[in-house]
Amino acid sequence: MENYVITIARGFGSGGKEIAIKLGERLGISCYERQLLTMASDQSGIDEGLFVETDERLRGKYIANWLRKIPFTAVLEPNEKDFVSDINLFNIQAELIRSLAKSESCIIVGKCADHILKDYKNVISLYVEAPRSACVKSIMNKMYISEERANQLIHSTDRYRAQYYNYYTGGKDWTNPINYDLILNSNRIGRDNCVEVIMEYIKIKFGE
């Protein structure tokens, strides 16, 4: 296999992004999360702020059924009226993700990447989660906030991600284990050992 892609979905506070970064360092490959928004903006010419606004969340005024008329696979031309609609912004990111999957080995965090690349043979999809208590502690330590605020952020962020995933995958459940190769509880063996487990799985699947 010339290149492979690891997609990582993660509960807020579970350490999924940290695991992704450490895995990228071990493998010597790029890890894309926030960078995808900048890349999509550069590629399309659309202000990066619009991509940030819709990053793994839905803007309420755009959830109207008429948006469903826009295909989930077609990127619109700049002169078309829905060029900066939520669905077209998603399509631009999806096209970028597919391009990366064809051209380089990398890790992609979030962005429905497991669904976008579901038919690609060179992809391993992971979901990282942890008990609420562990996530709260992690967020409190990282963001220097209260336990109450950490709980609020976890609840709202995971809700956004679940709604976003459901909408852009045609009704799929973000946490359904069937969507992924591996489900990892980062609290059970620690984040560093999660990296080791993934490394072993890569060897098994791709013979790396």
C-alpha atoms as a PDB file:
ATOM      1  CA  MET A   1       0.000   0.000   0.000  1.00  0.00           C
ATOM      2  CA  GLU A   2       1.470   3.323  -1.076  1.00  0.00           C
ATOM      3  CA  ASN A   3      -0.301   5.483   1.492  1.00  0.00           C
ATOM      4  CA  TYR A   4      -2.879   5.132   4.242  1.00  0.00           C
ATOM      5  CA  VAL A   5      -5.168   7.355   6.295  1.00  0.00           C
ATOM      6  CA  ILE A   6      -6.191   7.167   9.945  1.00  0.00           C
ATOM      7  CA  THR A   7      -9.453   8.925  10.811  1.00  0.00           C
ATOM      8  CA  ILE A   8     -10.136   9.716  14.460  1.00  0.00           C
ATOM      9  CA  ALA A   9     -13.528  10.675  15.862  1.00  0.00           C
ATOM     10  CA  ARG A  10     -13.468  11.605  19.533  1.00  0.00           C
ATOM     11  CA  GLY A  11     -15.557  12.595  22.494  1.00  0.00           C
ATOM     12  CA  PHE A  12     -14.678  16.012  23.899  1.00  0.00           C
ATOM     13  CA  GLY A  13     -12.073  15.599  26.636  1.00  0.00           C
ATOM     14  CA  SER A  14     -11.226  12.004  25.719  1.00  0.00           C
ATOM     15  CA  GLY A  15      -7.771  12.899  24.419  1.00  0.00           C
ATOM     16  CA  GLY A  16      -8.490  11.924  20.823  1.00  0.00           C
ATOM     17  CA  LYS A  17      -6.636  14.903  19.402  1.00  0.00           C
ATOM     18  CA  GLU A  18      -3.632  14.303  21.680  1.00  0.00           C
ATOM     19  CA  ILE A  19      -3.562  10.664  20.601  1.00  0.00           C
ATOM     20  CA  ALA A  20      -3.752  11.747  16.955  1.00  0.00           C
ATOM     21  CA  ILE A  21      -0.829  14.153  17.339  1.00  0.00           C
ATOM     22  CA  LYS A  22       1.326  11.579  19.135  1.00  0.00           C
ATOM     23  CA  LEU A  23       0.450   8.953  16.539  1.00  0.00           C
ATOM     24  CA  GLY A  24       1.431  11.325  13.747  1.00  0.00           C
ATOM     25  CA  GLU A  25       4.780  11.947  15.421  1.00  0.00           C
ATOM     26  CA  ARG A  26       5.412   8.211  15.777  1.00  0.00           C
ATOM     27  CA  LEU A  27       4.482   7.506  12.162  1.00  0.00           C
ATOM     28  CA  GLY A  28       6.127  10.613  10.725  1.00  0.00           C
ATOM     29  CA  ILE A  29       2.952  11.714   8.955  1.00  0.00           C
ATOM     30  CA  SER A  30       0.796  14.860   9.072  1.00  0.00           C
ATOM     31  CA  CYS A  31      -2.154  15.212  11.432  1.00  0.00           C
ATOM     32  CA  TYR A  32      -4.985  17.374  10.105  1.00  0.00           C
ATOM     33  CA  GLU A  33      -7.760  18.935  12.159  1.00  0.00           C
ATOM     34  CA  ARG A  34      -7.977  22.732  12.295  1.00  0.00           C
ATOM     35  CA  GLN A  35      -5.562  22.900   9.348  1.00  0.00           C
ATOM     36  CA  LEU A  36      -8.278  21.502   7.071  1.00  0.00           C
ATOM     37  CA  LEU A  37     -10.303  24.674   7.517  1.00  0.00           C
ATOM     38  CA  THR A  38      -7.394  26.834   6.379  1.00  0.00           C
ATOM     39  CA  MET A  39      -6.675  24.524   3.461  1.00  0.00           C
ATOM     40  CA  ALA A  40     -10.336  24.499   2.398  1.00  0.00           C
ATOM     41  CA  SER A  41     -10.414  28.300   2.572  1.00  0.00           C
ATOM     42  CA  ASP A  42      -7.251  28.621   0.499  1.00  0.00           C
ATOM     43  CA  GLN A  43      -8.560  26.158  -2.065  1.00  0.00           C
ATOM     44  CA  SER A  44     -12.013  27.716  -2.461  1.00  0.00           C
ATOM     45  CA  GLY A  45     -11.311  31.376  -1.807  1.00  0.00           C
ATOM     46  CA  ILE A  46     -14.107  31.422   0.807  1.00  0.00           C
ATOM     47  CA  ASP A  47     -13.333  33.281   4.034  1.00  0.00           C
ATOM     48  CA  GLU A  48     -11.901  30.910   6.629  1.00  0.00           C
ATOM     49  CA  GLY A  49     -14.281  32.314   9.231  1.00  0.00           C
ATOM     50  CA  LEU A  50     -17.219  30.666   7.459  1.00  0.00           C
ATOM     51  CA  PHE A  51     -15.540  27.272   7.701  1.00  0.00           C
ATOM     52  CA  VAL A  52     -14.814  27.912  11.387  1.00  0.00           C
ATOM     53  CA  GLU A  53     -18.491  28.751  12.027  1.00  0.00           C
ATOM     54  CA  THR A  54     -19.591  25.375  10.673  1.00  0.00           C
ATOM     55  CA  ASP A  55     -16.722  23.295  12.086  1.00  0.00           C
ATOM     56  CA  GLU A  56     -18.477  20.123  13.328  1.00  0.00           C
ATOM     57  CA  ARG A  57     -21.658  22.027  14.116  1.00  0.00           C
ATOM     58  CA  LEU A  58     -24.795  23.130  12.299  1.00  0.00           C
ATOM     59  CA  ARG A  59     -25.866  26.730  11.961  1.00  0.00           C
ATOM     60  CA  GLY A  60     -29.541  26.664  12.905  1.00  0.00           C
ATOM     61  CA  LYS A  61     -30.800  28.804  10.051  1.00  0.00           C
ATOM     62  CA  TYR A  62     -29.263  26.411   7.523  1.00  0.00           C
ATOM     63  CA  ILE A  63     -30.950  23.204   8.702  1.00  0.00           C
ATOM     64  CA  ALA A  64     -34.003  23.872   6.527  1.00  0.00           C
ATOM     65  CA  ASN A  65     -35.051  20.986   4.300  1.00  0.00           C
ATOM     66  CA  TRP A  66     -34.464  22.933   1.105  1.00  0.00           C
ATOM     67  CA  LEU A  67     -30.729  22.646   1.665  1.00  0.00           C
ATOM     68  CA  ARG A  68     -31.066  18.938   1.046  1.00  0.00           C
ATOM     69  CA  LYS A  69     -31.532  19.797  -2.617  1.00  0.00           C
ATOM     70  CA  ILE A  70     -27.807  20.449  -2.859  1.00  0.00           C
ATOM     71  CA  PRO A  71     -25.979  17.156  -3.538  1.00  0.00           C
ATOM     72  CA  PHE A  72     -23.629  16.027  -0.789  1.00  0.00           C
ATOM     73  CA  THR A  73     -20.946  15.192  -3.342  1.00  0.00           C
ATOM     74  CA  ALA A  74     -20.938  18.125  -5.749  1.00  0.00           C
ATOM     75  CA  VAL A  75     -18.864  21.254  -5.102  1.00  0.00           C
ATOM     76  CA  LEU A  76     -20.608  24.307  -6.490  1.00  0.00           C
ATOM     77  CA  GLU A  77     -19.021  26.964  -8.669  1.00  0.00           C
ATOM     78  CA  PRO A  78     -18.362  30.437  -7.162  1.00  0.00           C
ATOM     79  CA  ASN A  79     -21.088  32.007  -9.281  1.00  0.00           C
ATOM     80  CA  GLU A  80     -23.791  29.689  -7.929  1.00  0.00           C
ATOM     81  CA  LYS A  81     -26.082  31.093  -5.234  1.00  0.00           C
ATOM     82  CA  ASP A  82     -25.393  28.399  -2.604  1.00  0.00           C
ATOM     83  CA  PHE A  83     -21.604  28.577  -2.935  1.00  0.00           C
ATOM     84  CA  VAL A  84     -21.172  29.554   0.738  1.00  0.00           C
ATOM     85  CA  SER A  85     -23.979  27.364   2.088  1.00  0.00           C
ATOM     86  CA  ASP A  86     -23.185  24.902   4.869  1.00  0.00           C
ATOM     87  CA  ILE A  87     -23.493  21.920   2.561  1.00  0.00           C
ATOM     88  CA  ASN A  88     -21.140  23.370  -0.031  1.00  0.00           C
ATOM     89  CA  LEU A  89     -18.619  24.208   2.703  1.00  0.00           C
ATOM     90  CA  PHE A  90     -18.869  20.583   3.806  1.00  0.00           C
ATOM     91  CA  ASN A  91     -18.481  19.356   0.220  1.00  0.00           C
ATOM     92  CA  ILE A  92     -15.327  21.440  -0.220  1.00  0.00           C
ATOM     93  CA  GLN A  93     -13.813  19.904   2.926  1.00  0.00           C
ATOM     94  CA  ALA A  94     -14.922  16.422   1.856  1.00  0.00           C
ATOM     95  CA  GLU A  95     -13.261  16.814  -1.543  1.00  0.00           C
ATOM     96  CA  LEU A  96     -10.089  17.945   0.206  1.00  0.00           C
ATOM     97  CA  ILE A  97     -10.192  14.913   2.502  1.00  0.00           C
ATOM     98  CA  ARG A  98     -10.618  12.562  -0.460  1.00  0.00           C
ATOM     99  CA  SER A  99      -7.706  14.253  -2.212  1.00  0.00           C
ATOM    100  CA  LEU A 100      -5.487  13.774   0.843  1.00  0.00           C
ATOM    101  CA  ALA A 101      -6.484  10.109   1.071  1.00  0.00           C
ATOM    102  CA  LYS A 102      -5.334   9.574  -2.503  1.00  0.00           C
ATOM    103  CA  SER A 103      -2.065  11.473  -2.223  1.00  0.00           C
ATOM    104  CA  GLU A 104      -0.446  11.027   1.210  1.00  0.00           C
ATOM    105  CA  SER A 105      -0.416   9.095   4.448  1.00  0.00           C
ATOM    106  CA  CYS A 106      -2.019  11.215   7.148  1.00  0.00           C
ATOM    107  CA  ILE A 107      -4.297  11.394  10.167  1.00  0.00           C
ATOM    108  CA  ILE A 108      -7.600  13.260   9.964  1.00  0.00           C
ATOM    109  CA  VAL A 109      -9.402  14.258  13.157  1.00  0.00           C
ATOM    110  CA  GLY A 110     -13.179  14.693  13.010  1.00  0.00           C
ATOM    111  CA  LYS A 111     -14.937  16.219   9.975  1.00  0.00           C
ATOM    112  CA  CYS A 112     -16.952  13.002   9.274  1.00  0.00           C
ATOM    113  CA  ALA A 113     -13.777  11.670   7.670  1.00  0.00           C
ATOM    114  CA  ASP A 114     -14.646   8.045   8.477  1.00  0.00           C
ATOM    115  CA  HIS A 115     -17.883   8.414   6.489  1.00  0.00           C
ATOM    116  CA  ILE A 116     -16.345  10.393   3.641  1.00  0.00           C
ATOM    117  CA  LEU A 117     -13.667   7.709   3.204  1.00  0.00           C
ATOM    118  CA  LYS A 118     -15.834   4.697   4.045  1.00  0.00           C
ATOM    119  CA  ASP A 119     -15.242   3.068   0.645  1.00  0.00           C
ATOM    120  CA  TYR A 120     -11.474   3.589   0.645  1.00  0.00           C
ATOM    121  CA  LYS A 121      -9.421   0.459   1.313  1.00  0.00           C
ATOM    122  CA  ASN A 122      -6.441   2.403   2.682  1.00  0.00           C
ATOM    123  CA  VAL A 123      -8.318   3.830   5.671  1.00  0.00           C
ATOM    124  CA  ILE A 124      -8.482   2.893   9.354  1.00  0.00           C
ATOM    125  CA  SER A 125     -11.256   4.628  11.293  1.00  0.00           C
ATOM    126  CA  LEU A 126     -11.118   5.036  15.066  1.00  0.00           C
ATOM    127  CA  TYR A 127     -13.382   6.394  17.770  1.00  0.00           C
ATOM    128  CA  VAL A 128     -11.847   7.546  21.070  1.00  0.00           C
ATOM    129  CA  GLU A 129     -13.965   8.026  24.177  1.00  0.00           C
ATOM    130  CA  ALA A 130     -13.587   8.085  27.960  1.00  0.00           C
ATOM    131  CA  PRO A 131     -15.917   8.184  30.981  1.00  0.00           C
ATOM    132  CA  ARG A 132     -17.450  11.586  31.699  1.00  0.00           C
ATOM    133  CA  SER A 133     -15.463  11.935  34.943  1.00  0.00           C
ATOM    134  CA  ALA A 134     -12.167  11.463  33.097  1.00  0.00           C
ATOM    135  CA  CYS A 135     -13.196  13.898  30.365  1.00  0.00           C
ATOM    136  CA  VAL A 136     -14.225  16.509  32.936  1.00  0.00           C
ATOM    137  CA  LYS A 137     -10.908  16.217  34.733  1.00  0.00           C
ATOM    138  CA  SER A 138      -8.993  16.500  31.455  1.00  0.00           C
ATOM    139  CA  ILE A 139     -10.899  19.617  30.344  1.00  0.00           C
ATOM    140  CA  MET A 140     -10.568  21.256  33.774  1.00  0.00           C
ATOM    141  CA  ASN A 141      -6.810  20.770  33.726  1.00  0.00           C
ATOM    142  CA  LYS A 142      -6.392  21.843  30.119  1.00  0.00           C
ATOM    143  CA  MET A 143      -8.666  24.884  30.104  1.00  0.00           C
ATOM    144  CA  TYR A 144      -8.437  25.936  33.780  1.00  0.00           C
ATOM    145  CA  ILE A 145     -12.199  25.979  34.242  1.00  0.00           C
ATOM    146  CA  SER A 146     -14.648  24.754  36.865  1.00  0.00           C
ATOM    147  CA  GLU A 147     -16.160  21.278  36.947  1.00  0.00           C
ATOM    148  CA  GLU A 148     -19.560  22.755  36.117  1.00  0.00           C
ATOM    149  CA  ARG A 149     -18.212  24.603  33.075  1.00  0.00           C
ATOM    150  CA  ALA A 150     -16.313  21.505  31.898  1.00  0.00           C
ATOM    151  CA  ASN A 151     -19.518  19.468  32.050  1.00  0.00           C
ATOM    152  CA  GLN A 152     -21.360  22.137  30.066  1.00  0.00           C
ATOM    153  CA  LEU A 153     -18.682  22.203  27.360  1.00  0.00           C
ATOM    154  CA  ILE A 154     -18.585  18.420  27.045  1.00  0.00           C
ATOM    155  CA  HIS A 155     -22.365  18.219  26.772  1.00  0.00           C
ATOM    156  CA  SER A 156     -22.658  20.982  24.165  1.00  0.00           C
ATOM    157  CA  THR A 157     -19.619  19.972  22.083  1.00  0.00           C
ATOM    158  CA  ASP A 158     -20.572  16.311  21.888  1.00  0.00           C
ATOM    159  CA  ARG A 159     -24.141  17.309  21.013  1.00  0.00           C
ATOM    160  CA  TYR A 160     -22.870  19.514  18.169  1.00  0.00           C
ATOM    161  CA  ARG A 161     -20.656  16.745  16.860  1.00  0.00           C
ATOM    162  CA  ALA A 162     -23.428  14.151  17.000  1.00  0.00           C
ATOM    163  CA  GLN A 163     -25.894  16.427  15.170  1.00  0.00           C
ATOM    164  CA  TYR A 164     -23.306  17.369  12.551  1.00  0.00           C
ATOM    165  CA  TYR A 165     -22.389  13.743  11.925  1.00  0.00           C
ATOM    166  CA  ASN A 166     -26.037  12.669  11.743  1.00  0.00           C
ATOM    167  CA  TYR A 167     -26.875  15.414   9.254  1.00  0.00           C
ATOM    168  CA  TYR A 168     -23.973  14.978   6.856  1.00  0.00           C
ATOM    169  CA  THR A 169     -23.962  11.178   6.900  1.00  0.00           C
ATOM    170  CA  GLY A 170     -27.658  10.820   6.139  1.00  0.00           C
ATOM    171  CA  GLY A 171     -28.756   9.844   9.635  1.00  0.00           C
ATOM    172  CA  LYS A 172     -25.859   7.744  10.938  1.00  0.00           C
ATOM    173  CA  ASP A 173     -25.064   7.617  14.654  1.00  0.00           C
ATOM    174  CA  TRP A 174     -21.684   9.205  15.488  1.00  0.00           C
ATOM    175  CA  THR A 175     -20.985   6.720  18.313  1.00  0.00           C
ATOM    176  CA  ASN A 176     -22.106   3.540  16.522  1.00  0.00           C
ATOM    177  CA  PRO A 177     -19.169   1.100  16.743  1.00  0.00           C
ATOM    178  CA  ILE A 178     -20.051  -0.324  13.321  1.00  0.00           C
ATOM    179  CA  ASN A 179     -18.689   2.883  11.774  1.00  0.00           C
ATOM    180  CA  TYR A 180     -15.159   2.223  13.031  1.00  0.00           C
ATOM    181  CA  ASP A 181     -12.324  -0.284  12.965  1.00  0.00           C
ATOM    182  CA  LEU A 182     -11.473   0.325  16.621  1.00  0.00           C
ATOM    183  CA  ILE A 183     -13.189   1.890  19.643  1.00  0.00           C
ATOM    184  CA  LEU A 184     -10.721   3.000  22.317  1.00  0.00           C
ATOM    185  CA  ASN A 185     -11.464   3.949  25.912  1.00  0.00           C
ATOM    186  CA  SER A 186      -8.497   6.221  26.571  1.00  0.00           C
ATOM    187  CA  ASN A 187      -9.034   6.071  30.319  1.00  0.00           C
ATOM    188  CA  ARG A 188      -8.544   2.309  30.519  1.00  0.00           C
ATOM    189  CA  ILE A 189      -4.962   2.053  29.295  1.00  0.00           C
ATOM    190  CA  GLY A 190      -3.919   5.688  28.945  1.00  0.00           C
ATOM    191  CA  ARG A 191      -3.408   7.826  25.874  1.00  0.00           C
ATOM    192  CA  ASP A 192       0.160   6.717  25.180  1.00  0.00           C
ATOM    193  CA  ASN A 193      -0.887   3.073  25.198  1.00  0.00           C
ATOM    194  CA  CYS A 194      -3.765   3.912  22.864  1.00  0.00           C
ATOM    195  CA  VAL A 195      -1.098   5.036  20.407  1.00  0.00           C
ATOM    196  CA  GLU A 196       0.649   1.667  20.831  1.00  0.00           C
ATOM    197  CA  VAL A 197      -2.594  -0.220  20.165  1.00  0.00           C
ATOM    198  CA  ILE A 198      -3.193   1.778  16.986  1.00  0.00           C
ATOM    199  CA  MET A 199       0.374   1.182  15.835  1.00  0.00           C
ATOM    200  CA  GLU A 200      -0.147  -2.562  16.205  1.00  0.00           C
ATOM    201  CA  TYR A 201      -3.440  -2.407  14.323  1.00  0.00           C
ATOM    202  CA  ILE A 202      -1.773  -0.558  11.455  1.00  0.00           C
ATOM    203  CA  LYS A 203       0.804  -3.342  11.253  1.00  0.00           C
ATOM    204  CA  ILE A 204      -1.916  -5.985  11.199  1.00  0.00           C
ATOM    205  CA  LYS A 205      -4.071  -4.291   8.572  1.00  0.00           C
ATOM    206  CA  PHE A 206      -1.441  -2.804   6.306  1.00  0.00           C
ATOM    207  CA  GLY A 207       1.620  -4.887   7.133  1.00  0.00           C
ATOM    208  CA  GLU A 208       3.597  -1.733   8.004  1.00  0.00           C
END
